[in-house]
Amino acid sequence: MSQRLASRLLVFIAAFSFVALAHMGLAHAAGSAQQALLDIDAERAAAFQTADVGRIARLLSDDLTYVHTTGIIDGKPSLLGKIKSGDLTYQSVKTQDVVARPYGTAGIVTGTAELHVLSAHQPKVIMLRYTATYVLHDGRWQLVAYQSTPLPG
């Protein structure tokens, strides 16, 4: 094999290895982001259930749009106010079928949930499907949009 051909082959192998390693790194980063989104969504559910307003405030973006199953829309201040005042109490939050899809500095989490809430001091059981949109702000995921739809039954 000529030295020129050997050099080209070596360059090709090095380039291929670099691309393969970069792809593996991106796949690992996507997997890490996916797990981070699943973790932050679980943390959100736990914080709502314990009415930890401080933790909830850190998890929500200042420009949050939160659409309840009733169609009522809250921003961050109004949602936190309802939880703090006890007008909205999440007695239990059980999520399932949760899937996270990262897209760079944004991520979508979908799932279903069974909520036991007190709304205006009236007990309700709500079965819903939700979409939660998170963005990466200063190195941490924050909820910027939430939309829930009641499930039939």
C-alpha atoms as a PDB file:
ATOM      1  CA  MET A   1       0.000   0.000   0.000  1.00  0.00           C
ATOM      2  CA  SER A   2       1.423   3.364  -0.930  1.00  0.00           C
ATOM      3  CA  GLN A   3       2.179   5.874   1.796  1.00  0.00           C
ATOM      4  CA  ARG A   4      -0.295   8.334   0.260  1.00  0.00           C
ATOM      5  CA  LEU A   5      -3.126   5.772   0.364  1.00  0.00           C
ATOM      6  CA  ALA A   6      -2.198   4.793   3.929  1.00  0.00           C
ATOM      7  CA  SER A   7      -2.314   8.476   4.979  1.00  0.00           C
ATOM      8  CA  ARG A   8      -5.742   8.946   3.409  1.00  0.00           C
ATOM      9  CA  LEU A   9      -7.006   5.781   5.070  1.00  0.00           C
ATOM     10  CA  LEU A  10      -5.697   6.992   8.433  1.00  0.00           C
ATOM     11  CA  VAL A  11      -7.418  10.381   7.986  1.00  0.00           C
ATOM     12  CA  PHE A  12     -10.669   8.647   7.025  1.00  0.00           C
ATOM     13  CA  ILE A  13     -10.526   6.352  10.084  1.00  0.00           C
ATOM     14  CA  ALA A  14      -9.793   9.311  12.373  1.00  0.00           C
ATOM     15  CA  ALA A  15     -12.658  11.360  10.911  1.00  0.00           C
ATOM     16  CA  PHE A  16     -15.070   8.428  11.143  1.00  0.00           C
ATOM     17  CA  SER A  17     -14.051   7.793  14.764  1.00  0.00           C
ATOM     18  CA  PHE A  18     -14.543  11.462  15.626  1.00  0.00           C
ATOM     19  CA  VAL A  19     -18.041  11.495  14.086  1.00  0.00           C
ATOM     20  CA  ALA A  20     -18.975   8.244  15.851  1.00  0.00           C
ATOM     21  CA  LEU A  21     -17.749   9.548  19.226  1.00  0.00           C
ATOM     22  CA  ALA A  22     -19.531  12.869  18.724  1.00  0.00           C
ATOM     23  CA  HIS A  23     -22.757  11.039  17.902  1.00  0.00           C
ATOM     24  CA  MET A  24     -22.383   8.873  21.016  1.00  0.00           C
ATOM     25  CA  GLY A  25     -21.811  12.015  23.083  1.00  0.00           C
ATOM     26  CA  LEU A  26     -24.948  13.637  21.661  1.00  0.00           C
ATOM     27  CA  ALA A  27     -26.961  10.499  22.352  1.00  0.00           C
ATOM     28  CA  HIS A  28     -25.665  10.464  25.938  1.00  0.00           C
ATOM     29  CA  ALA A  29     -26.443  14.180  26.328  1.00  0.00           C
ATOM     30  CA  ALA A  30     -29.962  13.606  24.979  1.00  0.00           C
ATOM     31  CA  GLY A  31     -30.396  10.704  27.419  1.00  0.00           C
ATOM     32  CA  SER A  32     -29.173  12.890  30.290  1.00  0.00           C
ATOM     33  CA  ALA A  33     -31.539  15.700  29.276  1.00  0.00           C
ATOM     34  CA  GLN A  34     -34.389  13.216  28.981  1.00  0.00           C
ATOM     35  CA  GLN A  35     -33.744  11.950  32.521  1.00  0.00           C
ATOM     36  CA  ALA A  36     -33.400  15.525  33.820  1.00  0.00           C
ATOM     37  CA  LEU A  37     -36.805  16.371  32.337  1.00  0.00           C
ATOM     38  CA  LEU A  38     -38.396  13.280  33.901  1.00  0.00           C
ATOM     39  CA  ASP A  39     -36.817  14.196  37.240  1.00  0.00           C
ATOM     40  CA  ILE A  40     -37.942  17.839  37.149  1.00  0.00           C
ATOM     41  CA  ASP A  41     -41.482  16.837  36.191  1.00  0.00           C
ATOM     42  CA  ALA A  42     -41.605  14.375  39.118  1.00  0.00           C
ATOM     43  CA  GLU A  43     -40.237  17.106  41.390  1.00  0.00           C
ATOM     44  CA  ARG A  44     -42.968  19.467  40.167  1.00  0.00           C
ATOM     45  CA  ALA A  45     -45.669  16.910  40.990  1.00  0.00           C
ATOM     46  CA  ALA A  46     -44.185  16.300  44.460  1.00  0.00           C
ATOM     47  CA  ALA A  47     -43.890  20.037  45.174  1.00  0.00           C
ATOM     48  CA  PHE A  48     -47.521  20.619  44.196  1.00  0.00           C
ATOM     49  CA  GLN A  49     -48.628  17.760  46.446  1.00  0.00           C
ATOM     50  CA  THR A  50     -46.745  19.161  49.462  1.00  0.00           C
ATOM     51  CA  ALA A  51     -47.696  22.781  48.636  1.00  0.00           C
ATOM     52  CA  ASP A  52     -44.009  23.727  48.807  1.00  0.00           C
ATOM     53  CA  VAL A  53     -44.507  27.203  47.356  1.00  0.00           C
ATOM     54  CA  GLY A  54     -40.801  28.060  47.486  1.00  0.00           C
ATOM     55  CA  ARG A  55     -39.826  24.978  45.534  1.00  0.00           C
ATOM     56  CA  ILE A  56     -42.719  25.440  43.110  1.00  0.00           C
ATOM     57  CA  ALA A  57     -41.641  29.051  42.505  1.00  0.00           C
ATOM     58  CA  ARG A  58     -38.126  27.880  41.541  1.00  0.00           C
ATOM     59  CA  LEU A  59     -39.554  25.286  39.140  1.00  0.00           C
ATOM     60  CA  LEU A  60     -41.802  27.766  37.306  1.00  0.00           C
ATOM     61  CA  SER A  61     -40.640  30.296  34.752  1.00  0.00           C
ATOM     62  CA  ASP A  62     -41.688  33.895  35.393  1.00  0.00           C
ATOM     63  CA  ASP A  63     -43.594  33.874  32.082  1.00  0.00           C
ATOM     64  CA  LEU A  64     -45.498  30.655  32.823  1.00  0.00           C
ATOM     65  CA  THR A  65     -48.815  29.882  31.107  1.00  0.00           C
ATOM     66  CA  TYR A  66     -50.657  27.191  33.092  1.00  0.00           C
ATOM     67  CA  VAL A  67     -53.922  25.917  31.583  1.00  0.00           C
ATOM     68  CA  HIS A  68     -56.070  23.822  33.932  1.00  0.00           C
ATOM     69  CA  THR A  69     -58.488  21.104  32.784  1.00  0.00           C
ATOM     70  CA  THR A  70     -61.277  23.677  33.228  1.00  0.00           C
ATOM     71  CA  GLY A  71     -59.677  26.014  30.701  1.00  0.00           C
ATOM     72  CA  ILE A  72     -58.755  28.519  33.403  1.00  0.00           C
ATOM     73  CA  ILE A  73     -55.354  30.050  32.729  1.00  0.00           C
ATOM     74  CA  ASP A  74     -52.917  31.025  35.469  1.00  0.00           C
ATOM     75  CA  GLY A  75     -49.587  32.751  35.348  1.00  0.00           C
ATOM     76  CA  LYS A  76     -46.909  32.150  37.943  1.00  0.00           C
ATOM     77  CA  PRO A  77     -48.161  34.736  40.485  1.00  0.00           C
ATOM     78  CA  SER A  78     -51.809  33.632  40.344  1.00  0.00           C
ATOM     79  CA  LEU A  79     -50.983  29.908  40.511  1.00  0.00           C
ATOM     80  CA  LEU A  80     -48.661  30.397  43.479  1.00  0.00           C
ATOM     81  CA  GLY A  81     -51.296  32.611  45.136  1.00  0.00           C
ATOM     82  CA  LYS A  82     -53.973  29.909  44.824  1.00  0.00           C
ATOM     83  CA  ILE A  83     -51.670  27.277  46.304  1.00  0.00           C
ATOM     84  CA  LYS A  84     -50.418  29.553  49.077  1.00  0.00           C
ATOM     85  CA  SER A  85     -53.957  30.604  50.086  1.00  0.00           C
ATOM     86  CA  GLY A  86     -55.267  27.034  50.062  1.00  0.00           C
ATOM     87  CA  ASP A  87     -57.797  27.808  47.321  1.00  0.00           C
ATOM     88  CA  LEU A  88     -56.076  25.056  45.330  1.00  0.00           C
ATOM     89  CA  THR A  89     -54.727  22.068  47.255  1.00  0.00           C
ATOM     90  CA  TYR A  90     -53.218  19.040  45.574  1.00  0.00           C
ATOM     91  CA  GLN A  91     -53.867  16.211  48.038  1.00  0.00           C
ATOM     92  CA  SER A  92     -52.279  13.619  45.764  1.00  0.00           C
ATOM     93  CA  VAL A  93     -50.678  13.622  42.338  1.00  0.00           C
ATOM     94  CA  LYS A  94     -50.063  10.287  40.615  1.00  0.00           C
ATOM     95  CA  THR A  95     -48.503  10.501  37.167  1.00  0.00           C
ATOM     96  CA  GLN A  96     -48.043   7.670  34.709  1.00  0.00           C
ATOM     97  CA  ASP A  97     -47.139   7.044  31.084  1.00  0.00           C
ATOM     98  CA  VAL A  98     -44.689   9.943  31.375  1.00  0.00           C
ATOM     99  CA  VAL A  99     -42.487  10.544  28.332  1.00  0.00           C
ATOM    100  CA  ALA A 100     -39.828  13.252  27.992  1.00  0.00           C
ATOM    101  CA  ARG A 101     -38.437  14.561  24.709  1.00  0.00           C
ATOM    102  CA  PRO A 102     -35.548  17.052  24.862  1.00  0.00           C
ATOM    103  CA  TYR A 103     -34.963  19.544  22.040  1.00  0.00           C
ATOM    104  CA  GLY A 104     -31.757  21.348  22.931  1.00  0.00           C
ATOM    105  CA  THR A 105     -32.635  23.958  25.556  1.00  0.00           C
ATOM    106  CA  ALA A 106     -36.332  23.029  25.520  1.00  0.00           C
ATOM    107  CA  GLY A 107     -38.161  19.862  26.415  1.00  0.00           C
ATOM    108  CA  ILE A 108     -41.655  18.438  26.238  1.00  0.00           C
ATOM    109  CA  VAL A 109     -43.038  16.077  28.880  1.00  0.00           C
ATOM    110  CA  THR A 110     -46.339  14.297  28.332  1.00  0.00           C
ATOM    111  CA  GLY A 111     -48.242  11.944  30.545  1.00  0.00           C
ATOM    112  CA  THR A 112     -51.441  11.164  32.363  1.00  0.00           C
ATOM    113  CA  ALA A 113     -52.259  11.940  35.972  1.00  0.00           C
ATOM    114  CA  GLU A 114     -54.800  11.277  38.655  1.00  0.00           C
ATOM    115  CA  LEU A 115     -55.222  14.296  40.912  1.00  0.00           C
ATOM    116  CA  HIS A 116     -57.075  14.488  44.185  1.00  0.00           C
ATOM    117  CA  VAL A 117     -57.553  18.202  44.784  1.00  0.00           C
ATOM    118  CA  LEU A 118     -59.483  20.669  46.828  1.00  0.00           C
ATOM    119  CA  SER A 119     -60.578  23.463  44.513  1.00  0.00           C
ATOM    120  CA  ALA A 120     -62.412  26.282  46.282  1.00  0.00           C
ATOM    121  CA  HIS A 121     -62.464  23.862  49.247  1.00  0.00           C
ATOM    122  CA  GLN A 122     -64.457  21.295  47.221  1.00  0.00           C
ATOM    123  CA  PRO A 123     -62.903  17.809  46.788  1.00  0.00           C
ATOM    124  CA  LYS A 124     -62.402  16.658  43.207  1.00  0.00           C
ATOM    125  CA  VAL A 125     -60.772  13.691  41.520  1.00  0.00           C
ATOM    126  CA  ILE A 126     -59.400  14.644  38.132  1.00  0.00           C
ATOM    127  CA  MET A 127     -58.055  12.235  35.528  1.00  0.00           C
ATOM    128  CA  LEU A 128     -56.093  14.119  32.896  1.00  0.00           C
ATOM    129  CA  ARG A 129     -53.586  14.045  30.084  1.00  0.00           C
ATOM    130  CA  TYR A 130     -50.959  16.774  30.185  1.00  0.00           C
ATOM    131  CA  THR A 131     -48.238  18.414  28.183  1.00  0.00           C
ATOM    132  CA  ALA A 132     -45.559  20.300  30.089  1.00  0.00           C
ATOM    133  CA  THR A 133     -43.024  22.445  28.258  1.00  0.00           C
ATOM    134  CA  TYR A 134     -39.730  23.169  29.998  1.00  0.00           C
ATOM    135  CA  VAL A 135     -36.850  25.450  29.014  1.00  0.00           C
ATOM    136  CA  LEU A 136     -33.320  25.562  30.316  1.00  0.00           C
ATOM    137  CA  HIS A 137     -32.808  28.860  32.223  1.00  0.00           C
ATOM    138  CA  ASP A 138     -29.408  29.489  33.791  1.00  0.00           C
ATOM    139  CA  GLY A 139     -28.583  25.784  33.853  1.00  0.00           C
ATOM    140  CA  ARG A 140     -31.885  24.550  35.329  1.00  0.00           C
ATOM    141  CA  TRP A 141     -35.129  23.388  33.781  1.00  0.00           C
ATOM    142  CA  GLN A 142     -38.209  25.544  34.384  1.00  0.00           C
ATOM    143  CA  LEU A 143     -41.825  25.009  33.404  1.00  0.00           C
ATOM    144  CA  VAL A 144     -42.964  27.639  30.860  1.00  0.00           C
ATOM    145  CA  ALA A 145     -46.229  26.101  29.639  1.00  0.00           C
ATOM    146  CA  TYR A 146     -48.622  23.506  30.973  1.00  0.00           C
ATOM    147  CA  GLN A 147     -51.813  22.271  29.308  1.00  0.00           C
ATOM    148  CA  SER A 148     -54.087  19.605  30.749  1.00  0.00           C
ATOM    149  CA  THR A 149     -57.138  17.939  29.265  1.00  0.00           C
ATOM    150  CA  PRO A 150     -59.637  15.871  31.248  1.00  0.00           C
ATOM    151  CA  LEU A 151     -59.810  12.212  30.330  1.00  0.00           C
ATOM    152  CA  PRO A 152     -63.229  10.713  29.613  1.00  0.00           C
ATOM    153  CA  GLY A 153     -64.787   8.475  32.190  1.00  0.00           C
END
